[in-house]
Amino acid sequence: MAEERAKHQVRRGAHAGSGEDGSGVLARGLQTDEKTKGAGENQRVGESRLSVSTGALAGVIPGIVDTHVHQWDPLRSPREASKRTRLYRAAPVFGRAIFRYAVTQKDRELVLDPKFVTRPYLPKHYQHDAAAVLLTAGVPVESVVHMQADWRTDEPMAAAAETRWVAGLPFGVNGAPELGAIVARGDPRSPFFSQLLDVHLDISDRVTGIRAMAAHHPDPKVRSWAEVEGLLADPDFLRGFAALAERDLVFDAWVYSHQLRDVRTLAREYPETTIVLNHFGTPVGLFGPMGQSTGHTAAQRHELMRAWREDISAVAQCQNVVVKLSGLAFPLLGYGHQRSGNIGTQQTLTSMTGPLLEHVVSVFGPDRMMFGSNFPADKPNATMATIVGTELDVLEPYGEELLRKVFRDNARRVYRID
């Protein structure tokens, strides 16, 4: 590993520009004026210096485990987008106009294009998106971990209906990847939490984890998923979490970067439970303006990066925390407000996210990182092959052992995939 890292320092200039913390290229990406259409267009200056990895996983692993995949069908299951989906499907032109003028800014910036949330996304659609990964990585995606995805009803056991629905989807059929594991929804504050966990487990033995979305942002025009700021550190949440720990389940945590200290609080309270941090902690606005006032200036974006580095380093000190290398193209990072094409090439994405990936490698090490596509949420900004290729561009110099662990072995261990 040490030798591979030494080699990597030679290539760091290609990923990180000047500055020992890899902030050179990031700085170029952050120095956008207020009229920028998207941070991607500000990265092209250094693209010719980047090499593109192809086939790097061939002979290293038989296939990739994608630890962060959503499935939905808003016409046949209760989703937040279900009502709008019917309108959009009946009159697409009218639906797009409604999206542009009647949908809130926080939701427009989250999804960029309504087609990605109003159309079904099922195993066959994922299979289509993942097909090009074989050309980029040299191996296919062999299995996925389904992540709970906005199933909406008010019944205490409603989350179990999503688990039942996912368990019945045609994974592993006609070339689609296998369903390796299910991370179901649950709120430890609920008086029905223990009962819900048992129902999840009765439905499918692939349920190995629970997620409660704790992401909450002080900017009123950035989408919040939790109704309170410090959900993971809430006393009722911490008490109820014992039921999850007793069942030896994994917990997936999604927070925004300013909430990373809450992840550390939870991890310290339950040191025997594996906590999986989603999307690097999602530093909203890191690459461009989001919401009312988040990431609107270069100074704000540099402060976001500084605070993120400090706080995720503190989280990494908790040995029971694993980080997902997911959400690289998540619109919330501030790539731009166009409906598509905000990033452009793989080289651009590598330039922008290389400093984040390298810092995570340095503080978490090879045994506590896992690949996740976050599809279809990242789809408006990048193809799955582009995302996989970006991670390979940055991680390949660290050696085959790290690649094997990040793209397969760690996921199989953490989520107990046979």
Protein backbone atom coordinates (compact mmCIF):
# COMPACT_ATOMS: atom_id res chain seq x y z
CA MET A 1 0.00 0.00 0.00
CA ALA A 2 2.80 2.42 0.90
CA GLU A 3 4.52 1.84 -2.45
CA GLU A 4 1.25 2.29 -4.33
CA ARG A 5 0.57 5.53 -2.47
CA ALA A 6 4.06 6.77 -3.33
CA LYS A 7 3.30 6.16 -6.99
CA HIS A 8 0.00 7.91 -6.51
CA GLN A 9 1.69 11.12 -5.40
CA VAL A 10 3.15 11.42 -8.91
CA ARG A 11 -0.36 11.30 -10.36
CA ARG A 12 -1.94 13.53 -7.74
CA GLY A 13 -1.17 16.59 -9.81
CA ALA A 14 -3.44 15.23 -12.49
CA HIS A 15 -6.28 14.85 -10.01
CA ALA A 16 -5.65 17.61 -7.55
CA GLY A 17 -3.59 20.37 -9.11
CA SER A 18 -1.47 22.42 -6.75
CA GLY A 19 -1.75 22.42 -2.98
CA GLU A 20 -0.91 19.57 -0.63
CA ASP A 21 -4.56 18.99 0.29
CA GLY A 22 -5.61 18.55 -3.33
CA SER A 23 -7.42 21.86 -3.38
CA GLY A 24 -5.90 23.16 -6.62
CA VAL A 25 -8.38 21.73 -9.08
CA LEU A 26 -11.20 22.17 -6.62
CA ALA A 27 -10.30 25.83 -6.36
CA ARG A 28 -10.55 26.19 -10.11
CA GLY A 29 -13.95 24.55 -9.95
CA LEU A 30 -15.10 26.86 -7.18
CA GLN A 31 -13.96 30.12 -8.74
CA THR A 32 -17.14 30.59 -10.72
CA ASP A 33 -18.90 33.86 -11.26
CA GLU A 34 -22.53 34.32 -10.44
CA LYS A 35 -23.58 33.72 -14.06
CA THR A 36 -22.07 30.22 -14.34
CA LYS A 37 -24.29 27.57 -15.84
CA GLY A 38 -22.59 24.70 -14.02
CA ALA A 39 -19.32 23.97 -12.33
CA GLY A 40 -18.38 21.37 -14.92
CA GLU A 41 -17.61 23.99 -17.58
CA ASN A 42 -14.98 25.56 -15.32
CA GLN A 43 -12.93 22.36 -15.13
CA ARG A 44 -11.99 21.81 -18.74
CA VAL A 45 -8.65 23.61 -18.47
CA GLY A 46 -6.92 20.65 -16.84
CA GLU A 47 -8.67 17.77 -18.53
CA SER A 48 -5.89 16.95 -21.00
CA ARG A 49 -3.61 16.09 -18.07
CA LEU A 50 -5.92 13.33 -16.85
CA SER A 51 -5.66 9.70 -17.86
CA VAL A 52 -8.81 7.59 -18.05
CA SER A 53 -8.78 4.12 -16.48
CA THR A 54 -10.37 1.33 -18.51
CA GLY A 55 -10.67 -2.33 -17.60
CA ALA A 56 -8.97 -1.77 -14.24
CA LEU A 57 -11.06 -4.39 -12.42
CA ALA A 58 -10.59 -7.22 -14.93
CA GLY A 59 -8.84 -10.07 -13.15
CA VAL A 60 -9.23 -8.30 -9.80
CA ILE A 61 -12.87 -9.14 -9.03
CA PRO A 62 -15.56 -11.11 -10.89
CA GLY A 63 -18.09 -8.31 -10.58
CA ILE A 64 -19.00 -5.08 -8.80
CA VAL A 65 -21.37 -4.77 -5.86
CA ASP A 66 -23.29 -1.49 -6.11
CA THR A 67 -24.23 -0.56 -2.54
CA HIS A 68 -26.64 2.28 -3.29
CA VAL A 69 -29.48 1.71 -5.75
CA HIS A 70 -33.06 2.97 -5.68
CA GLN A 71 -36.02 1.31 -7.38
CA TRP A 72 -39.43 2.87 -7.83
CA ASP A 73 -42.61 2.85 -9.85
CA PRO A 74 -44.58 6.00 -8.98
CA LEU A 75 -47.64 4.81 -10.91
CA ARG A 76 -47.95 1.54 -8.99
CA SER A 77 -46.61 2.37 -5.55
CA PRO A 78 -47.16 5.28 -3.12
CA ARG A 79 -44.36 7.76 -3.75
CA GLU A 80 -44.18 11.49 -3.16
CA ALA A 81 -44.04 11.97 -6.94
CA SER A 82 -47.04 9.73 -7.69
CA LYS A 83 -49.64 12.49 -8.19
CA ARG A 84 -47.37 14.58 -10.39
CA THR A 85 -46.37 11.47 -12.32
CA ARG A 86 -49.92 10.90 -13.51
CA LEU A 87 -50.11 14.47 -14.78
CA TYR A 88 -46.67 14.31 -16.37
CA ARG A 89 -47.44 11.05 -18.16
CA ALA A 90 -50.83 12.30 -19.38
CA ALA A 91 -49.49 15.61 -20.71
CA PRO A 92 -45.67 15.72 -20.76
CA VAL A 93 -45.40 19.26 -22.15
CA PHE A 94 -47.81 20.61 -19.54
CA GLY A 95 -46.04 18.55 -16.89
CA ARG A 96 -42.68 20.07 -17.74
CA ALA A 97 -44.18 23.55 -17.50
CA ILE A 98 -45.55 22.74 -14.06
CA PHE A 99 -42.12 21.45 -13.02
CA ARG A 100 -40.51 24.68 -14.15
CA TYR A 101 -42.97 27.10 -12.61
CA ALA A 102 -44.96 25.33 -9.88
CA VAL A 103 -42.44 22.94 -8.32
CA THR A 104 -40.38 24.45 -5.51
CA GLN A 105 -36.78 25.48 -6.09
CA LYS A 106 -35.57 22.90 -3.58
CA ASP A 107 -37.18 20.08 -5.56
CA ARG A 108 -36.12 21.40 -8.97
CA GLU A 109 -32.51 21.60 -7.86
CA LEU A 110 -32.70 18.12 -6.36
CA VAL A 111 -33.96 16.26 -9.45
CA LEU A 112 -33.07 18.67 -12.32
CA ASP A 113 -35.37 16.84 -14.75
CA PRO A 114 -38.79 15.41 -13.77
CA LYS A 115 -38.42 12.37 -16.02
CA PHE A 116 -35.96 10.80 -13.58
CA VAL A 117 -38.53 10.64 -10.78
CA THR A 118 -41.77 10.30 -12.74
CA ARG A 119 -40.70 7.26 -14.75
CA PRO A 120 -40.40 3.75 -13.27
CA TYR A 121 -36.88 2.67 -12.39
CA LEU A 122 -36.80 -1.12 -12.14
CA PRO A 123 -34.20 -3.90 -12.57
CA LYS A 124 -34.36 -3.75 -16.37
CA HIS A 125 -33.71 0.00 -16.31
CA TYR A 126 -30.79 -0.41 -13.93
CA GLN A 127 -29.43 -3.21 -16.13
CA HIS A 128 -29.49 -0.86 -19.12
CA ASP A 129 -27.65 1.88 -17.21
CA ALA A 130 -25.06 -0.55 -15.87
CA ALA A 131 -24.27 -2.20 -19.22
CA ALA A 132 -21.48 0.22 -20.15
CA VAL A 133 -19.73 -0.39 -16.81
CA LEU A 134 -18.34 -3.62 -18.31
CA LEU A 135 -16.45 -1.61 -20.93
CA THR A 136 -15.18 0.92 -18.40
CA ALA A 137 -14.21 -1.40 -15.55
CA GLY A 138 -13.69 -4.72 -17.32
CA VAL A 139 -16.31 -6.46 -15.17
CA PRO A 140 -20.11 -6.14 -14.83
CA VAL A 141 -22.21 -5.16 -11.84
CA GLU A 142 -23.02 -8.52 -10.25
CA SER A 143 -25.31 -7.47 -7.41
CA VAL A 144 -26.92 -4.42 -5.83
CA VAL A 145 -28.00 -3.19 -2.42
CA HIS A 146 -31.42 -1.58 -2.57
CA MET A 147 -31.75 1.59 -0.52
CA GLN A 148 -35.20 2.62 0.75
CA ALA A 149 -36.68 5.25 -1.53
CA ASP A 150 -39.45 7.59 -0.45
CA TRP A 151 -42.33 5.12 0.00
CA ARG A 152 -45.10 7.33 1.41
CA THR A 153 -48.04 6.27 3.59
CA ASP A 154 -48.98 7.15 7.16
CA GLU A 155 -49.39 3.62 8.50
CA PRO A 156 -46.88 2.52 11.19
CA MET A 157 -45.89 -0.59 9.21
CA ALA A 158 -45.95 1.10 5.78
CA ALA A 159 -42.20 0.80 5.29
CA ALA A 160 -42.57 -2.97 5.30
CA ALA A 161 -44.67 -2.72 2.13
CA GLU A 162 -41.67 -1.30 0.28
CA THR A 163 -39.52 -4.20 1.48
CA ARG A 164 -42.10 -6.68 0.22
CA TRP A 165 -42.28 -4.86 -3.12
CA VAL A 166 -38.49 -4.79 -3.56
CA ALA A 167 -38.13 -8.45 -2.60
CA GLY A 168 -40.51 -9.33 -5.43
CA LEU A 169 -38.72 -7.40 -8.18
CA PRO A 170 -37.13 -9.44 -11.01
CA PHE A 171 -33.48 -9.10 -10.01
CA GLY A 172 -31.20 -11.83 -11.32
CA VAL A 173 -33.48 -12.40 -14.33
CA ASN A 174 -32.48 -12.04 -17.99
CA GLY A 175 -29.06 -10.69 -17.13
CA ALA A 176 -30.11 -8.19 -14.46
CA PRO A 177 -27.83 -8.07 -11.38
CA GLU A 178 -28.76 -10.05 -8.30
CA LEU A 179 -30.39 -8.40 -5.30
CA GLY A 180 -27.64 -8.75 -2.73
CA ALA A 181 -29.22 -6.93 0.21
CA ILE A 182 -32.04 -4.60 1.22
CA VAL A 183 -31.67 -1.56 3.45
CA ALA A 184 -35.19 -0.82 4.65
CA ARG A 185 -36.72 2.27 6.22
CA GLY A 186 -37.34 2.74 9.92
CA ASP A 187 -37.41 5.49 12.55
CA PRO A 188 -36.02 4.49 15.97
CA ARG A 189 -38.20 7.14 17.63
CA SER A 190 -41.36 5.29 16.66
CA PRO A 191 -43.06 3.18 19.35
CA PHE A 192 -43.53 0.56 16.61
CA PHE A 193 -39.86 0.44 15.62
CA SER A 194 -39.05 -2.97 17.12
CA GLN A 195 -42.17 -4.47 15.59
CA LEU A 196 -41.35 -2.95 12.20
CA LEU A 197 -37.84 -4.40 12.27
CA ASP A 198 -39.21 -7.87 12.86
CA VAL A 199 -41.69 -7.49 10.00
CA HIS A 200 -38.87 -6.39 7.66
CA LEU A 201 -36.81 -9.42 8.67
CA ASP A 202 -39.75 -11.79 8.27
CA ILE A 203 -40.40 -10.54 4.74
CA SER A 204 -36.88 -11.15 3.43
CA ASP A 205 -33.61 -12.53 4.71
CA ARG A 206 -31.91 -10.00 2.43
CA VAL A 207 -32.81 -7.21 4.87
CA THR A 208 -29.50 -6.51 6.59
CA GLY A 209 -29.80 -2.80 7.29
CA ILE A 210 -32.05 0.14 8.11
CA ARG A 211 -31.89 3.75 6.97
CA ALA A 212 -33.42 6.84 8.51
CA MET A 213 -32.78 9.91 6.37
CA ALA A 214 -31.50 12.59 8.75
CA ALA A 215 -30.48 15.17 6.14
CA HIS A 216 -31.77 18.58 7.24
CA HIS A 217 -30.48 21.91 5.95
CA PRO A 218 -30.79 25.40 7.49
CA ASP A 219 -31.17 26.94 4.03
CA PRO A 220 -34.97 27.01 3.51
CA LYS A 221 -34.54 26.43 -0.23
CA VAL A 222 -32.42 23.28 0.13
CA ARG A 223 -34.44 20.09 0.46
CA SER A 224 -34.60 18.67 4.00
CA TRP A 225 -35.57 15.03 4.54
CA ALA A 226 -35.84 15.09 8.32
CA GLU A 227 -38.14 17.44 10.18
CA VAL A 228 -35.50 18.18 12.84
CA GLU A 229 -31.86 19.22 12.59
CA GLY A 230 -30.10 16.74 14.88
CA LEU A 231 -32.08 13.54 14.35
CA LEU A 232 -29.21 11.10 14.90
CA ALA A 233 -28.30 12.71 18.22
CA ASP A 234 -31.89 13.01 19.45
CA PRO A 235 -32.33 11.24 22.83
CA ASP A 236 -35.43 9.36 21.67
CA PHE A 237 -33.62 8.26 18.51
CA LEU A 238 -30.62 7.04 20.50
CA ARG A 239 -32.84 5.09 22.90
CA GLY A 240 -34.85 3.47 20.14
CA PHE A 241 -31.70 2.62 18.19
CA ALA A 242 -31.02 -0.14 20.71
CA ALA A 243 -33.61 -2.33 18.96
CA LEU A 244 -31.57 -2.14 15.75
CA ALA A 245 -28.33 -2.87 17.58
CA GLU A 246 -29.85 -5.88 19.34
CA ARG A 247 -30.75 -7.40 15.97
CA ASP A 248 -27.21 -6.84 14.65
CA LEU A 249 -28.43 -4.75 11.73
CA VAL A 250 -26.37 -2.22 9.80
CA PHE A 251 -27.47 1.42 9.92
CA ASP A 252 -27.19 3.64 6.83
CA ALA A 253 -26.87 7.32 7.74
CA TRP A 254 -27.57 10.12 5.30
CA VAL A 255 -26.78 13.59 6.61
CA TYR A 256 -25.57 16.84 5.15
CA SER A 257 -21.96 17.79 5.86
CA HIS A 258 -22.73 20.21 8.68
CA GLN A 259 -24.41 17.28 10.51
CA LEU A 260 -21.43 14.91 10.41
CA ARG A 261 -20.84 15.36 14.14
CA ASP A 262 -24.21 13.70 14.75
CA VAL A 263 -22.91 10.59 12.97
CA ARG A 264 -19.97 10.56 15.34
CA THR A 265 -22.31 10.87 18.33
CA LEU A 266 -24.34 7.87 17.16
CA ALA A 267 -21.26 5.79 16.35
CA ARG A 268 -19.80 6.41 19.80
CA GLU A 269 -23.08 5.56 21.51
CA TYR A 270 -23.27 2.21 19.66
CA PRO A 271 -19.66 1.19 18.92
CA GLU A 272 -20.61 -2.42 18.08
CA THR A 273 -23.03 -1.38 15.32
CA THR A 274 -21.77 -0.69 11.80
CA ILE A 275 -22.75 2.79 10.63
CA VAL A 276 -22.58 3.38 6.87
CA LEU A 277 -22.19 7.04 5.91
CA ASN A 278 -23.93 7.79 2.61
CA HIS A 279 -22.58 10.14 -0.09
CA PHE A 280 -19.49 11.41 1.78
CA GLY A 281 -21.81 13.40 4.03
CA THR A 282 -23.14 15.45 1.07
CA PRO A 283 -21.52 18.91 1.25
CA VAL A 284 -24.39 20.81 -0.38
CA GLY A 285 -23.22 23.60 -2.70
CA LEU A 286 -19.57 22.53 -2.77
CA PHE A 287 -19.30 23.01 -6.54
CA GLY A 288 -21.82 25.78 -7.12
CA PRO A 289 -24.82 27.74 -5.85
CA MET A 290 -27.68 25.85 -4.22
CA GLY A 291 -30.81 27.05 -2.51
CA GLN A 292 -31.15 30.57 -1.19
CA SER A 293 -27.58 31.20 -0.04
CA THR A 294 -25.58 27.95 0.03
CA GLY A 295 -22.32 27.83 -1.92
CA HIS A 296 -23.07 31.09 -3.71
CA THR A 297 -19.54 32.50 -3.36
CA ALA A 298 -16.05 31.05 -3.72
CA ALA A 299 -15.39 31.85 -0.05
CA GLN A 300 -18.44 29.86 1.03
CA ARG A 301 -17.40 26.90 -1.09
CA HIS A 302 -13.87 26.87 0.27
CA GLU A 303 -15.26 26.96 3.80
CA LEU A 304 -17.56 24.05 2.96
CA MET A 305 -14.54 22.04 1.84
CA ARG A 306 -12.50 22.95 4.89
CA ALA A 307 -15.28 22.05 7.33
CA TRP A 308 -16.11 18.84 5.45
CA ARG A 309 -12.48 17.66 5.60
CA GLU A 310 -12.28 18.36 9.32
CA ASP A 311 -15.61 16.78 10.25
CA ILE A 312 -15.33 13.66 8.09
CA SER A 313 -11.84 13.08 9.49
CA ALA A 314 -13.36 13.13 12.98
CA VAL A 315 -16.06 10.66 11.91
CA ALA A 316 -13.40 8.35 10.47
CA GLN A 317 -11.87 8.02 13.93
CA CYS A 318 -14.88 5.87 14.84
CA GLN A 319 -13.82 2.43 13.62
CA ASN A 320 -17.43 1.26 13.26
CA VAL A 321 -18.15 3.84 10.54
CA VAL A 322 -17.88 2.81 6.88
CA VAL A 323 -18.19 5.40 4.10
CA LYS A 324 -19.90 4.98 0.75
CA LEU A 325 -18.16 6.44 -2.26
CA SER A 326 -21.56 7.39 -3.59
CA GLY A 327 -23.34 10.52 -4.74
CA LEU A 328 -20.38 11.77 -6.81
CA ALA A 329 -22.75 13.32 -9.35
CA PHE A 330 -25.56 14.16 -6.91
CA PRO A 331 -27.23 17.42 -8.03
CA LEU A 332 -27.16 18.70 -4.43
CA LEU A 333 -23.40 19.22 -4.69
CA GLY A 334 -24.14 22.18 -6.94
CA TYR A 335 -23.07 21.07 -10.40
CA GLY A 336 -25.61 23.32 -12.06
CA HIS A 337 -29.29 23.87 -12.67
CA GLN A 338 -29.52 22.73 -16.25
CA ARG A 339 -31.65 19.67 -16.94
CA SER A 340 -28.65 17.71 -18.22
CA GLY A 341 -25.02 18.01 -19.15
CA ASN A 342 -23.88 19.81 -16.02
CA ILE A 343 -20.67 17.82 -15.66
CA GLY A 344 -19.73 16.70 -19.13
CA THR A 345 -16.78 14.32 -19.33
CA GLN A 346 -15.34 11.75 -16.97
CA GLN A 347 -12.16 13.83 -16.77
CA THR A 348 -14.18 16.77 -15.48
CA LEU A 349 -15.84 14.70 -12.77
CA THR A 350 -12.47 13.23 -11.79
CA SER A 351 -10.96 16.72 -11.51
CA MET A 352 -13.79 17.92 -9.31
CA THR A 353 -14.27 14.96 -7.00
CA GLY A 354 -10.69 13.66 -6.88
CA PRO A 355 -9.81 15.70 -3.77
CA LEU A 356 -12.85 14.30 -1.92
CA LEU A 357 -12.04 10.71 -2.86
CA GLU A 358 -8.38 11.06 -1.95
CA HIS A 359 -9.17 12.56 1.44
CA VAL A 360 -11.62 9.77 2.23
CA VAL A 361 -9.00 7.17 1.30
CA SER A 362 -6.48 8.85 3.60
CA VAL A 363 -8.74 8.88 6.67
CA PHE A 364 -10.84 5.72 6.25
CA GLY A 365 -8.36 3.33 4.64
CA PRO A 366 -9.15 0.39 2.32
CA ASP A 367 -11.32 -1.65 4.70
CA ARG A 368 -14.00 0.99 5.33
CA MET A 369 -15.00 2.24 1.88
CA MET A 370 -17.61 0.93 -0.58
CA PHE A 371 -18.71 1.91 -4.07
CA GLY A 372 -22.29 3.10 -4.65
CA SER A 373 -23.83 4.57 -7.82
CA ASN A 374 -26.77 6.39 -6.21
CA PHE A 375 -28.76 5.61 -9.34
CA PRO A 376 -31.02 6.96 -10.63
CA ALA A 377 -30.57 10.05 -8.40
CA ASP A 378 -27.18 10.85 -9.98
CA LYS A 379 -28.35 10.04 -13.50
CA PRO A 380 -29.22 13.63 -14.57
CA ASN A 381 -25.55 14.57 -14.24
CA ALA A 382 -23.52 11.50 -15.25
CA THR A 383 -23.75 7.98 -16.61
CA MET A 384 -22.98 5.06 -14.33
CA ALA A 385 -19.91 4.26 -16.43
CA THR A 386 -18.66 7.82 -15.91
CA ILE A 387 -19.07 7.52 -12.14
CA VAL A 388 -17.32 4.14 -12.00
CA GLY A 389 -14.59 5.43 -14.29
CA THR A 390 -14.04 8.47 -12.10
CA GLU A 391 -13.55 6.35 -9.00
CA LEU A 392 -11.16 4.08 -10.90
CA ASP A 393 -9.19 7.10 -12.15
CA VAL A 394 -8.54 8.13 -8.56
CA LEU A 395 -8.33 4.75 -6.82
CA GLU A 396 -6.46 2.55 -9.31
CA PRO A 397 -3.01 3.90 -8.32
CA TYR A 398 -3.59 2.67 -4.75
CA GLY A 399 -3.41 -0.92 -5.97
CA GLU A 400 -5.54 -3.97 -6.63
CA GLU A 401 -6.17 -4.78 -2.97
CA LEU A 402 -7.95 -1.48 -2.42
CA LEU A 403 -9.93 -1.86 -5.64
CA ARG A 404 -11.05 -5.36 -4.66
CA LYS A 405 -12.24 -4.16 -1.27
CA VAL A 406 -13.95 -0.96 -2.45
CA PHE A 407 -15.82 -2.47 -5.38
CA ARG A 408 -16.75 -5.87 -3.92
CA ASP A 409 -15.32 -7.38 -0.74
CA ASN A 410 -16.23 -4.67 1.76
CA ALA A 411 -19.83 -4.55 0.54
CA ARG A 412 -20.20 -8.32 0.81
CA ARG A 413 -18.83 -8.23 4.36
CA VAL A 414 -20.80 -5.21 5.61
CA TYR A 415 -24.15 -6.21 4.09
CA ARG A 416 -23.56 -9.98 4.53
CA ILE A 417 -24.03 -10.81 0.88
CA ASP A 418 -23.49 -14.51 0.15
